[in-house]
N, C-alpha and C. Protein backbone atom coordinates (compact mmCIF):
# COMPACT_ATOMS: atom_id res chain seq x y z
N MET A 1 -30.40 -10.54 -5.49
CA MET A 1 -29.45 -9.56 -5.87
C MET A 1 -30.06 -8.81 -7.18
N ASP A 2 -30.12 -7.90 -7.54
CA ASP A 2 -30.31 -7.41 -8.80
C ASP A 2 -28.81 -7.44 -9.41
N GLU A 3 -28.90 -7.72 -10.97
CA GLU A 3 -28.16 -8.36 -11.80
C GLU A 3 -27.43 -6.83 -11.67
N THR A 4 -27.49 -5.97 -11.78
CA THR A 4 -26.42 -4.71 -12.04
C THR A 4 -25.56 -4.21 -10.47
N LEU A 5 -26.59 -4.57 -9.62
CA LEU A 5 -26.26 -4.24 -8.55
C LEU A 5 -24.57 -5.15 -8.23
N GLN A 6 -25.30 -6.46 -8.46
CA GLN A 6 -24.29 -7.70 -8.64
C GLN A 6 -22.55 -7.36 -9.27
N ALA A 7 -23.35 -6.93 -10.33
CA ALA A 7 -21.79 -6.38 -11.14
C ALA A 7 -21.11 -5.86 -10.72
N ALA A 8 -21.68 -4.49 -9.94
CA ALA A 8 -20.97 -3.64 -9.76
C ALA A 8 -19.98 -3.59 -8.44
N ARG A 9 -21.02 -5.01 -7.97
CA ARG A 9 -20.39 -5.44 -6.64
C ARG A 9 -19.03 -6.44 -6.79
N ASP A 10 -19.02 -7.14 -7.73
CA ASP A 10 -18.02 -8.19 -8.17
C ASP A 10 -16.77 -7.52 -9.08
N SER A 11 -17.57 -6.10 -9.51
CA SER A 11 -16.33 -5.26 -10.11
C SER A 11 -15.46 -4.53 -9.22
N VAL A 12 -15.88 -4.12 -8.15
CA VAL A 12 -15.43 -3.29 -7.12
C VAL A 12 -14.09 -4.79 -6.31
N ILE A 13 -14.68 -5.71 -6.35
CA ILE A 13 -14.42 -6.38 -5.59
C ILE A 13 -12.87 -7.21 -6.59
N ARG A 14 -13.05 -7.31 -7.74
CA ARG A 14 -11.81 -8.02 -8.53
C ARG A 14 -10.97 -6.69 -8.99
N GLY A 15 -11.50 -5.24 -8.41
CA GLY A 15 -10.54 -4.14 -8.98
C GLY A 15 -9.89 -3.78 -7.80
N LEU A 16 -9.84 -4.23 -6.30
CA LEU A 16 -9.75 -4.46 -5.33
C LEU A 16 -8.82 -5.09 -5.31
N GLY A 17 -8.89 -6.08 -5.71
CA GLY A 17 -8.25 -7.70 -5.25
C GLY A 17 -6.55 -7.45 -6.62
N GLN A 18 -7.01 -6.76 -7.64
CA GLN A 18 -5.78 -6.16 -8.72
C GLN A 18 -5.03 -5.54 -7.78
N LEU A 19 -6.10 -4.51 -7.02
CA LEU A 19 -4.79 -2.99 -6.44
C LEU A 19 -4.22 -3.62 -5.10
N THR A 20 -4.63 -4.61 -4.52
CA THR A 20 -3.37 -4.73 -3.45
C THR A 20 -2.55 -5.87 -4.29
N ASP A 21 -2.79 -6.44 -5.13
CA ASP A 21 -1.94 -7.34 -5.87
C ASP A 21 -0.38 -6.46 -6.42
N PHE A 22 -1.24 -5.44 -7.18
CA PHE A 22 -0.58 -4.31 -7.38
C PHE A 22 0.34 -3.68 -6.09
N PHE A 23 0.18 -3.33 -5.27
CA PHE A 23 0.77 -2.78 -4.31
C PHE A 23 1.76 -3.92 -2.94
N GLY A 24 1.61 -5.30 -3.61
CA GLY A 24 2.58 -6.14 -2.73
C GLY A 24 1.80 -7.27 -2.26
N PHE A 25 0.34 -6.96 -1.75
CA PHE A 25 -0.29 -7.66 -0.78
C PHE A 25 -1.13 -9.08 -1.57
N SER A 26 -1.68 -9.69 -1.09
CA SER A 26 -2.54 -10.56 -1.60
C SER A 26 -4.03 -10.31 -2.26
N PRO A 27 -4.07 -10.83 -3.50
CA PRO A 27 -5.41 -10.40 -4.10
C PRO A 27 -6.58 -10.84 -3.38
N VAL A 28 -6.32 -11.67 -2.32
CA VAL A 28 -7.61 -12.32 -1.47
C VAL A 28 -8.07 -11.45 -0.76
N MET A 29 -6.61 -10.30 -0.24
CA MET A 29 -7.15 -9.28 0.72
C MET A 29 -8.01 -8.62 0.28
N GLY A 30 -7.58 -7.99 -0.96
CA GLY A 30 -8.20 -6.55 -1.67
C GLY A 30 -9.88 -7.29 -1.82
N HIS A 31 -9.74 -8.88 -2.36
CA HIS A 31 -11.63 -9.04 -2.58
C HIS A 31 -11.95 -9.44 -1.08
N LEU A 32 -11.55 -9.56 -0.30
CA LEU A 32 -12.15 -8.93 0.59
C LEU A 32 -12.47 -8.06 1.25
N TYR A 33 -11.78 -7.39 1.54
CA TYR A 33 -11.85 -6.34 1.62
C TYR A 33 -13.12 -5.09 1.03
N GLY A 34 -13.00 -5.26 -0.71
CA GLY A 34 -13.90 -5.24 -1.31
C GLY A 34 -15.10 -5.57 -0.44
N ALA A 35 -15.54 -6.96 -0.35
CA ALA A 35 -16.78 -6.89 -0.33
C ALA A 35 -17.00 -7.14 0.86
N LEU A 36 -16.41 -6.71 1.94
CA LEU A 36 -16.86 -5.98 3.52
C LEU A 36 -16.95 -4.25 3.09
N LEU A 37 -16.18 -3.91 2.36
CA LEU A 37 -16.59 -2.22 2.10
C LEU A 37 -17.92 -2.59 1.28
N MET A 38 -18.51 -3.26 0.10
CA MET A 38 -19.58 -2.93 -0.12
C MET A 38 -20.74 -4.03 0.28
N SER A 39 -20.65 -4.07 1.04
CA SER A 39 -21.66 -4.89 2.47
C SER A 39 -21.92 -3.78 2.97
N PRO A 40 -23.42 -3.56 3.55
CA PRO A 40 -23.85 -2.62 4.02
C PRO A 40 -23.89 -3.05 5.69
N GLU A 41 -23.52 -4.37 5.93
CA GLU A 41 -23.76 -4.95 6.99
C GLU A 41 -22.89 -5.79 7.66
N ALA A 42 -22.12 -5.54 8.71
CA ALA A 42 -21.19 -6.97 8.87
C ALA A 42 -20.83 -8.16 8.62
N LEU A 43 -20.19 -8.85 7.77
CA LEU A 43 -20.33 -10.28 7.73
C LEU A 43 -19.34 -10.91 7.93
N SER A 44 -19.78 -12.59 7.87
CA SER A 44 -19.26 -13.52 9.26
C SER A 44 -18.45 -14.35 8.08
N LEU A 45 -17.60 -15.03 8.53
CA LEU A 45 -16.54 -15.79 7.52
C LEU A 45 -16.74 -16.56 6.27
N ASP A 46 -18.18 -17.45 7.31
CA ASP A 46 -18.72 -18.02 5.71
C ASP A 46 -19.28 -17.29 5.08
N GLU A 47 -19.76 -16.16 5.15
CA GLU A 47 -20.32 -15.19 4.33
C GLU A 47 -19.04 -14.43 3.47
N LEU A 48 -18.38 -13.99 3.69
CA LEU A 48 -16.89 -14.15 3.20
C LEU A 48 -16.26 -15.21 2.46
N GLU A 49 -16.40 -16.48 2.80
CA GLU A 49 -16.04 -17.38 1.89
C GLU A 49 -16.68 -17.72 0.67
N ALA A 50 -18.08 -17.64 0.89
CA ALA A 50 -18.86 -17.42 -0.36
C ALA A 50 -18.86 -16.28 -1.33
N ILE A 51 -18.78 -15.54 -0.45
CA ILE A 51 -18.52 -14.35 -1.60
C ILE A 51 -17.57 -13.98 -2.79
N VAL A 52 -16.24 -14.64 -2.31
CA VAL A 52 -14.94 -14.54 -2.56
C VAL A 52 -14.40 -15.93 -3.59
N ALA A 53 -15.02 -17.08 -2.70
CA ALA A 53 -14.98 -18.48 -3.29
C ALA A 53 -13.40 -19.12 -2.91
N LYS A 54 -13.41 -18.62 -1.91
CA LYS A 54 -11.97 -19.06 -1.12
C LYS A 54 -12.15 -20.04 -0.38
N SER A 55 -10.95 -20.88 0.25
CA SER A 55 -11.17 -22.08 1.42
C SER A 55 -11.30 -20.96 2.52
N LYS A 56 -11.82 -21.83 3.41
CA LYS A 56 -12.21 -21.09 4.77
C LYS A 56 -10.52 -20.72 5.65
N ALA A 57 -9.85 -21.58 5.36
CA ALA A 57 -8.19 -21.35 5.86
C ALA A 57 -7.56 -20.19 5.06
N SER A 58 -7.90 -19.81 3.68
CA SER A 58 -7.53 -18.88 2.96
C SER A 58 -8.34 -17.47 3.70
N VAL A 59 -9.12 -17.45 3.47
CA VAL A 59 -10.33 -16.11 4.34
C VAL A 59 -9.82 -15.76 5.28
N SER A 60 -9.65 -16.61 6.69
CA SER A 60 -9.56 -16.40 7.82
C SER A 60 -7.90 -16.14 8.18
N MET A 61 -6.97 -16.66 7.31
CA MET A 61 -5.67 -15.68 7.31
C MET A 61 -5.45 -14.67 6.49
N ASN A 62 -6.16 -14.66 5.62
CA ASN A 62 -6.23 -12.84 4.73
C ASN A 62 -6.74 -12.28 5.76
N MET A 63 -8.37 -12.23 6.69
CA MET A 63 -8.77 -11.79 7.29
C MET A 63 -7.99 -10.98 8.75
N GLN A 64 -6.70 -11.65 8.74
CA GLN A 64 -5.81 -11.50 10.21
C GLN A 64 -5.25 -10.68 9.51
N ALA A 65 -4.61 -10.58 8.52
CA ALA A 65 -3.50 -10.13 7.53
C ALA A 65 -4.44 -8.50 7.72
N LEU A 66 -5.37 -8.57 7.08
CA LEU A 66 -6.31 -7.41 6.97
C LEU A 66 -6.90 -6.62 8.30
N GLU A 67 -6.64 -7.06 9.78
CA GLU A 67 -7.01 -6.82 10.44
C GLU A 67 -6.01 -6.14 10.97
N ARG A 68 -4.16 -6.77 10.94
CA ARG A 68 -3.04 -6.22 11.14
C ARG A 68 -3.00 -5.04 10.08
N TRP A 69 -3.22 -4.88 9.34
CA TRP A 69 -2.97 -3.41 8.44
C TRP A 69 -4.01 -2.37 8.59
N GLY A 70 -4.80 -3.02 9.93
CA GLY A 70 -6.58 -1.77 10.06
C GLY A 70 -7.18 -1.59 9.07
N MET A 71 -7.18 -2.67 8.37
CA MET A 71 -8.31 -2.41 6.98
C MET A 71 -9.90 -2.52 7.31
N VAL A 72 -10.13 -4.07 8.23
CA VAL A 72 -10.91 -4.56 8.94
C VAL A 72 -11.11 -4.69 10.11
N ARG A 73 -12.36 -4.59 11.12
CA ARG A 73 -11.95 -4.77 12.30
C ARG A 73 -13.15 -5.96 12.64
N GLN A 74 -13.45 -6.40 13.73
CA GLN A 74 -13.67 -7.25 13.92
C GLN A 74 -14.94 -6.50 14.75
N VAL A 75 -16.62 -7.10 14.78
CA VAL A 75 -17.32 -6.61 15.49
C VAL A 75 -18.86 -8.05 15.45
N TRP A 76 -19.37 -7.40 16.93
CA TRP A 76 -19.79 -7.97 18.03
C TRP A 76 -21.02 -7.79 17.26
N VAL A 77 -22.16 -9.06 16.86
CA VAL A 77 -23.44 -9.02 16.20
C VAL A 77 -24.06 -9.98 17.66
N LYS A 78 -25.10 -8.98 17.96
CA LYS A 78 -26.17 -9.46 19.01
C LYS A 78 -27.01 -10.97 18.27
N GLY A 79 -26.50 -11.72 19.46
CA GLY A 79 -27.56 -13.11 18.93
C GLY A 79 -26.63 -14.00 18.50
N ASP A 80 -25.52 -13.99 17.82
CA ASP A 80 -24.50 -14.85 17.24
C ASP A 80 -22.91 -15.31 17.28
N ARG A 81 -22.22 -15.96 18.07
CA ARG A 81 -21.43 -16.32 18.10
C ARG A 81 -20.11 -16.20 17.28
N ARG A 82 -20.61 -15.99 16.18
CA ARG A 82 -19.83 -16.07 14.76
C ARG A 82 -18.96 -14.55 15.16
N LYS A 83 -17.51 -14.84 13.86
CA LYS A 83 -16.93 -13.86 14.08
C LYS A 83 -17.32 -13.09 12.97
N PHE A 84 -17.35 -11.45 12.51
CA PHE A 84 -18.48 -10.73 12.27
C PHE A 84 -17.40 -9.22 11.95
N TYR A 85 -17.45 -9.18 10.35
CA TYR A 85 -15.93 -7.98 10.08
C TYR A 85 -16.94 -6.62 9.64
N GLU A 86 -16.40 -5.92 9.47
CA GLU A 86 -16.95 -4.88 9.02
C GLU A 86 -15.36 -3.78 8.29
N ALA A 87 -15.71 -3.19 6.94
CA ALA A 87 -14.25 -2.93 6.79
C ALA A 87 -13.95 -1.60 6.88
N GLU A 88 -12.83 -1.01 7.57
CA GLU A 88 -12.55 0.41 7.38
C GLU A 88 -12.68 1.16 6.04
N SER A 89 -13.88 2.33 5.83
CA SER A 89 -14.14 2.97 4.95
C SER A 89 -13.31 4.13 4.84
N ASP A 90 -12.52 4.57 5.88
CA ASP A 90 -11.41 5.90 5.79
C ASP A 90 -10.57 5.35 5.27
N LEU A 91 -10.68 5.63 3.78
CA LEU A 91 -9.50 4.82 2.90
C LEU A 91 -8.22 5.69 3.45
N TRP A 92 -8.19 7.09 3.71
CA TRP A 92 -7.03 7.79 4.11
C TRP A 92 -6.69 7.28 5.72
N LYS A 93 -7.05 6.80 6.61
CA LYS A 93 -6.57 6.17 7.80
C LYS A 93 -6.28 4.90 6.97
N ILE A 94 -6.24 4.08 6.45
CA ILE A 94 -5.56 2.69 5.68
C ILE A 94 -4.06 3.31 5.10
N VAL A 95 -4.35 4.48 3.99
CA VAL A 95 -3.12 4.73 3.44
C VAL A 95 -2.00 5.08 4.65
N THR A 96 -2.44 5.62 5.39
CA THR A 96 -1.66 6.43 6.36
C THR A 96 -1.16 5.46 7.29
N TYR A 97 -1.56 4.68 7.52
CA TYR A 97 -1.09 3.49 8.71
C TYR A 97 -0.26 2.50 7.37
N VAL A 98 -0.74 2.12 6.23
CA VAL A 98 0.35 1.39 5.74
C VAL A 98 1.55 2.31 5.16
N ILE A 99 1.76 3.21 5.09
CA ILE A 99 2.87 4.56 4.63
C ILE A 99 3.49 4.31 6.09
N GLU A 100 2.72 4.86 7.30
CA GLU A 100 3.75 4.78 8.58
C GLU A 100 4.39 3.32 8.98
N SER A 101 3.72 2.07 8.37
CA SER A 101 4.13 0.93 9.14
C SER A 101 5.18 -0.09 7.79
N ARG A 102 4.86 0.51 6.75
CA ARG A 102 5.63 -0.45 5.87
C ARG A 102 6.59 0.60 4.94
N GLU A 103 5.78 1.31 3.65
CA GLU A 103 6.75 2.10 2.98
C GLU A 103 7.67 2.97 3.94
N ARG A 104 7.48 3.69 5.07
CA ARG A 104 8.40 4.62 5.81
C ARG A 104 9.62 3.55 6.00
N ARG A 105 9.04 2.32 6.61
CA ARG A 105 10.68 1.30 6.86
C ARG A 105 11.13 0.86 5.75
N GLU A 106 10.44 0.85 4.71
CA GLU A 106 11.38 0.33 3.18
C GLU A 106 12.07 1.37 3.06
N VAL A 107 11.95 2.60 2.74
CA VAL A 107 13.05 3.83 2.03
C VAL A 107 13.76 3.63 3.46
N GLY A 108 13.65 3.56 5.09
CA GLY A 108 14.60 4.03 5.32
C GLY A 108 15.35 2.77 5.30
N LEU A 109 15.35 1.44 5.16
CA LEU A 109 16.02 0.42 4.94
C LEU A 109 16.89 0.20 3.70
N ALA A 110 16.28 1.14 2.46
CA ALA A 110 17.04 1.38 1.46
C ALA A 110 17.90 2.10 1.60
N LEU A 111 17.96 3.37 2.55
CA LEU A 111 18.77 4.35 2.63
C LEU A 111 19.83 4.17 3.61
N ASN A 112 19.39 2.99 4.41
CA ASN A 112 20.53 2.57 5.26
C ASN A 112 21.95 1.22 4.53
N ILE A 113 20.68 0.76 3.51
CA ILE A 113 21.68 -0.31 2.30
C ILE A 113 22.60 0.20 1.92
N LEU A 114 22.11 1.75 1.40
CA LEU A 114 22.80 2.00 0.18
C LEU A 114 23.94 3.10 0.93
N GLU A 115 23.75 3.68 2.40
CA GLU A 115 24.83 4.39 2.93
C GLU A 115 26.49 3.21 3.03
N GLU A 116 25.43 1.96 3.74
CA GLU A 116 26.73 0.97 3.99
C GLU A 116 27.54 0.88 2.85
N ASN A 117 26.63 0.22 1.52
CA ASN A 117 27.76 0.17 0.31
C ASN A 117 28.26 1.61 -0.08
N ALA A 118 28.33 2.28 0.16
CA ALA A 118 28.94 3.66 -0.05
C ALA A 118 30.11 3.52 0.89
N GLU A 119 29.95 3.75 2.08
CA GLU A 119 30.99 3.58 3.28
C GLU A 119 31.88 2.64 2.65
N ARG A 120 31.42 1.39 2.54
CA ARG A 120 32.30 0.12 2.14
C ARG A 120 32.91 0.31 0.86
N LEU A 121 32.64 0.73 -0.48
CA LEU A 121 32.77 1.12 -1.16
C LEU A 121 34.27 2.13 -1.07
N GLN A 122 33.73 3.03 -0.26
CA GLN A 122 35.25 4.54 -0.36
C GLN A 122 36.22 3.56 0.77
N ARG A 123 36.06 2.88 1.59
CA ARG A 123 36.87 2.15 2.08
C ARG A 123 37.61 1.15 1.71
N ALA A 124 37.07 0.67 0.85
CA ALA A 124 38.02 -0.43 -0.01
C ALA A 124 38.68 -0.39 -1.30
N LYS A 125 38.40 1.29 -1.66
CA LYS A 125 38.82 1.91 -3.25
C LYS A 125 40.12 1.90 -3.23
N SER A 126 41.30 2.38 -1.89
CA SER A 126 42.14 2.12 -1.90
C SER A 126 43.29 0.80 -2.22
N ASP A 127 42.51 -0.16 -1.77
CA ASP A 127 43.16 -1.38 -2.30
C ASP A 127 42.61 -1.92 -3.80
N MET A 128 42.39 -0.92 -4.16
CA MET A 128 41.63 -1.49 -5.96
C MET A 128 42.77 -1.08 -7.01
N SER A 129 42.75 -1.86 -8.01
CA SER A 129 43.43 -1.57 -9.11
C SER A 129 43.14 -0.20 -9.74
N PRO A 130 43.34 0.78 -10.57
CA PRO A 130 42.72 2.05 -11.11
C PRO A 130 41.76 1.67 -11.81
N GLU A 131 41.64 0.45 -12.79
CA GLU A 131 40.15 0.17 -13.32
C GLU A 131 39.14 -0.67 -12.21
N GLU A 132 39.66 -1.14 -11.15
CA GLU A 132 38.68 -1.15 -10.36
C GLU A 132 38.38 0.16 -9.26
N GLN A 133 38.91 1.10 -9.05
CA GLN A 133 38.63 2.30 -8.61
C GLN A 133 38.08 3.16 -9.39
N GLN A 134 37.71 3.29 -10.72
CA GLN A 134 37.25 3.62 -11.76
C GLN A 134 36.17 3.05 -11.76
N LEU A 135 35.54 1.89 -11.43
CA LEU A 135 34.32 1.01 -11.50
C LEU A 135 33.46 1.35 -10.14
N ALA A 136 34.45 1.24 -9.48
CA ALA A 136 34.07 1.77 -7.73
C ALA A 136 33.50 3.55 -7.68
N ASP A 137 33.77 3.97 -8.60
CA ASP A 137 33.22 5.70 -8.49
C ASP A 137 32.24 5.71 -9.37
N HIS A 138 32.29 5.02 -10.55
CA HIS A 138 30.70 4.66 -11.39
C HIS A 138 29.79 4.11 -9.97
N TYR A 139 30.14 3.19 -9.35
CA TYR A 139 29.10 2.28 -8.36
C TYR A 139 28.47 3.74 -7.40
N LEU A 140 30.01 4.32 -6.59
CA LEU A 140 29.58 5.44 -5.78
C LEU A 140 28.04 6.68 -6.30
N ALA A 141 28.82 6.78 -7.53
CA ALA A 141 27.69 7.68 -8.23
C ALA A 141 26.50 7.46 -8.65
N GLN A 142 25.98 6.42 -9.07
CA GLN A 142 24.97 5.12 -8.95
C GLN A 142 24.26 5.49 -7.80
N VAL A 143 25.26 5.04 -6.38
CA VAL A 143 24.18 4.73 -5.31
C VAL A 143 24.22 6.68 -4.90
N LYS A 144 24.92 7.16 -5.02
CA LYS A 144 24.78 8.51 -4.66
C LYS A 144 23.30 9.17 -5.36
N ASN A 145 23.11 8.79 -6.91
CA ASN A 145 21.47 8.58 -7.32
C ASN A 145 20.63 8.41 -6.78
N LEU A 146 20.35 6.92 -6.12
CA LEU A 146 19.74 6.13 -5.57
C LEU A 146 19.19 6.97 -4.10
N GLN A 147 20.80 7.32 -3.45
CA GLN A 147 20.22 8.07 -2.02
C GLN A 147 19.94 9.31 -2.27
N GLY A 148 19.38 10.18 -3.35
CA GLY A 148 18.88 11.44 -3.52
C GLY A 148 17.18 10.88 -3.90
N PHE A 149 17.41 10.05 -4.47
CA PHE A 149 15.97 9.54 -4.97
C PHE A 149 15.21 9.02 -3.74
N PHE A 150 15.88 8.39 -3.12
CA PHE A 150 15.21 7.72 -1.87
C PHE A 150 14.99 8.76 -0.80
N LYS A 151 16.02 9.77 -0.27
CA LYS A 151 15.91 10.54 0.56
C LYS A 151 14.59 11.81 -0.13
N LEU A 152 14.54 12.02 -1.22
CA LEU A 152 13.36 12.91 -1.84
C LEU A 152 11.96 11.92 -1.62
N ALA A 153 12.34 10.76 -2.05
CA ALA A 153 10.32 9.64 -1.36
C ALA A 153 10.57 9.49 0.48
N GLN A 154 11.75 9.76 1.33
CA GLN A 154 11.00 9.75 2.17
C GLN A 154 11.04 11.06 2.99
N LEU A 155 11.01 12.18 2.00
CA LEU A 155 10.59 13.70 1.93
C LEU A 155 9.43 13.68 1.70
N ALA A 156 8.64 12.91 0.76
CA ALA A 156 7.46 12.95 0.58
C ALA A 156 6.85 12.39 1.19
N LEU A 157 6.99 10.87 2.14
CA LEU A 157 6.17 10.19 2.57
C LEU A 157 5.80 10.94 4.08
N GLU A 158 6.87 11.60 4.60
CA GLU A 158 7.01 12.17 6.15
C GLU A 158 5.99 14.30 5.60
N LEU A 159 5.92 14.66 4.72
CA LEU A 159 5.14 15.49 4.35
C LEU A 159 3.56 14.98 4.07
N LEU A 160 3.42 13.64 3.48
CA LEU A 160 2.06 13.53 3.18
C LEU A 160 1.42 13.11 4.59
N LEU A 161 2.58 12.54 5.48
CA LEU A 161 2.25 11.84 6.99
C LEU A 161 1.73 13.12 7.71
N SER A 162 2.86 14.27 7.45
CA SER A 162 2.57 15.37 8.14
C SER A 162 1.24 16.26 8.24
N LYS A 163 0.53 15.91 7.03
CA LYS A 163 -0.57 16.87 6.58
C LYS A 163 -1.90 16.68 7.92
N GLY A 164 -1.59 15.46 8.32
CA GLY A 164 -3.02 14.82 9.14
C GLY A 164 -4.28 14.71 8.34
N GLY A 165 -4.76 14.36 7.27
CA GLY A 165 -5.50 14.31 6.40
C GLY A 165 -5.54 14.38 5.23
N PRO A 166 -6.41 13.85 4.75
CA PRO A 166 -6.24 13.37 2.88
C PRO A 166 -6.23 15.11 2.46
N PRO A 167 -6.00 14.93 1.14
CA PRO A 167 -5.88 16.22 0.14
C PRO A 167 -7.71 16.31 -0.33
N ASN A 168 -7.90 17.89 -0.17
CA ASN A 168 -9.02 18.41 -0.21
C ASN A 168 -9.31 18.32 -1.92
N LEU A 169 -9.86 17.27 -2.10
CA LEU A 169 -10.27 16.86 -3.58
C LEU A 169 -11.29 17.86 -4.13
N ASN A 170 -11.80 18.42 -3.64
CA ASN A 170 -12.80 19.32 -4.60
C ASN A 170 -11.85 20.56 -4.71
N GLN A 171 -11.00 20.95 -3.74
CA GLN A 171 -9.76 22.07 -4.18
C GLN A 171 -8.82 21.70 -5.24
N ILE A 172 -8.59 20.39 -5.92
CA ILE A 172 -7.93 20.02 -6.91
C ILE A 172 -8.65 20.25 -8.08
N GLY A 173 -10.46 19.59 -7.97
CA GLY A 173 -10.76 19.78 -9.38
C GLY A 173 -11.18 21.12 -9.75
N SER A 174 -11.17 22.52 -8.75
CA SER A 174 -11.60 23.64 -9.45
C SER A 174 -10.39 24.23 -9.77
N VAL A 175 -9.02 23.62 -9.64
CA VAL A 175 -8.25 24.64 -9.94
C VAL A 175 -7.96 24.82 -11.84
N ASP A 176 -8.13 25.76 -11.91
CA ASP A 176 -8.39 25.87 -13.98
C ASP A 176 -6.71 25.46 -14.30
N ALA A 177 -6.77 25.04 -15.91
CA ALA A 177 -5.79 23.98 -16.34
C ALA A 177 -5.19 25.37 -17.26
N PRO A 178 -3.83 25.35 -17.19
CA PRO A 178 -3.19 26.67 -18.27
C PRO A 178 -3.82 26.00 -19.28
N GLU A 179 -4.18 27.39 -19.92
CA GLU A 179 -4.51 27.45 -21.46
C GLU A 179 -3.29 27.01 -22.02
N ILE A 180 -3.74 26.50 -23.35
CA ILE A 180 -2.40 25.78 -24.46
C ILE A 180 -2.47 26.68 -25.76
N ASP A 181 -1.60 26.79 -25.80
CA ASP A 181 -1.30 27.97 -27.03
C ASP A 181 -0.98 26.56 -28.41
N ASN A 182 -1.79 26.68 -29.20
CA ASN A 182 -1.40 25.27 -29.85
C ASN A 182 -0.79 25.70 -31.36
N LYS A 183 -0.29 26.90 -31.58
CA LYS A 183 0.20 27.65 -32.63
C LYS A 183 1.38 27.10 -33.51
């Protein structure tokens, strides 16, 4: 393979590994997804193992996770009995699936925990000393702030999911930036 092509492919694979790690997924998942995304053809587990330099067990386990997240799919290759995979290239589909199945759930759980703590603090306040009641009021104020943030996050996620497709990036680029007066 041409040196420039190899460098570009490897850079994308490394970058997606860093990105998946940032979002709390295994970097190997990002490496595998990157290898498949950059490949014009479906790849077997053996080919993926060679590209990402990980064990067959790690490749297999991470491929199962990628399938669950809708990031890759198994495909049939005529005349070959091995498992082959290709990447889902529609990134909006992937983002939507992850938001629906992970982020929305996590925000909902956070809101439930905050609500339970607020109720518990309110019920227990009458049995507290004046100093403890003051601390409970501080806790309640902080919980209320967190609830506001998570409700906003929940609203943003719902709005994003209700759009039905990605924002039109061409329109974003055509918006004129306001002029700044540097006087």
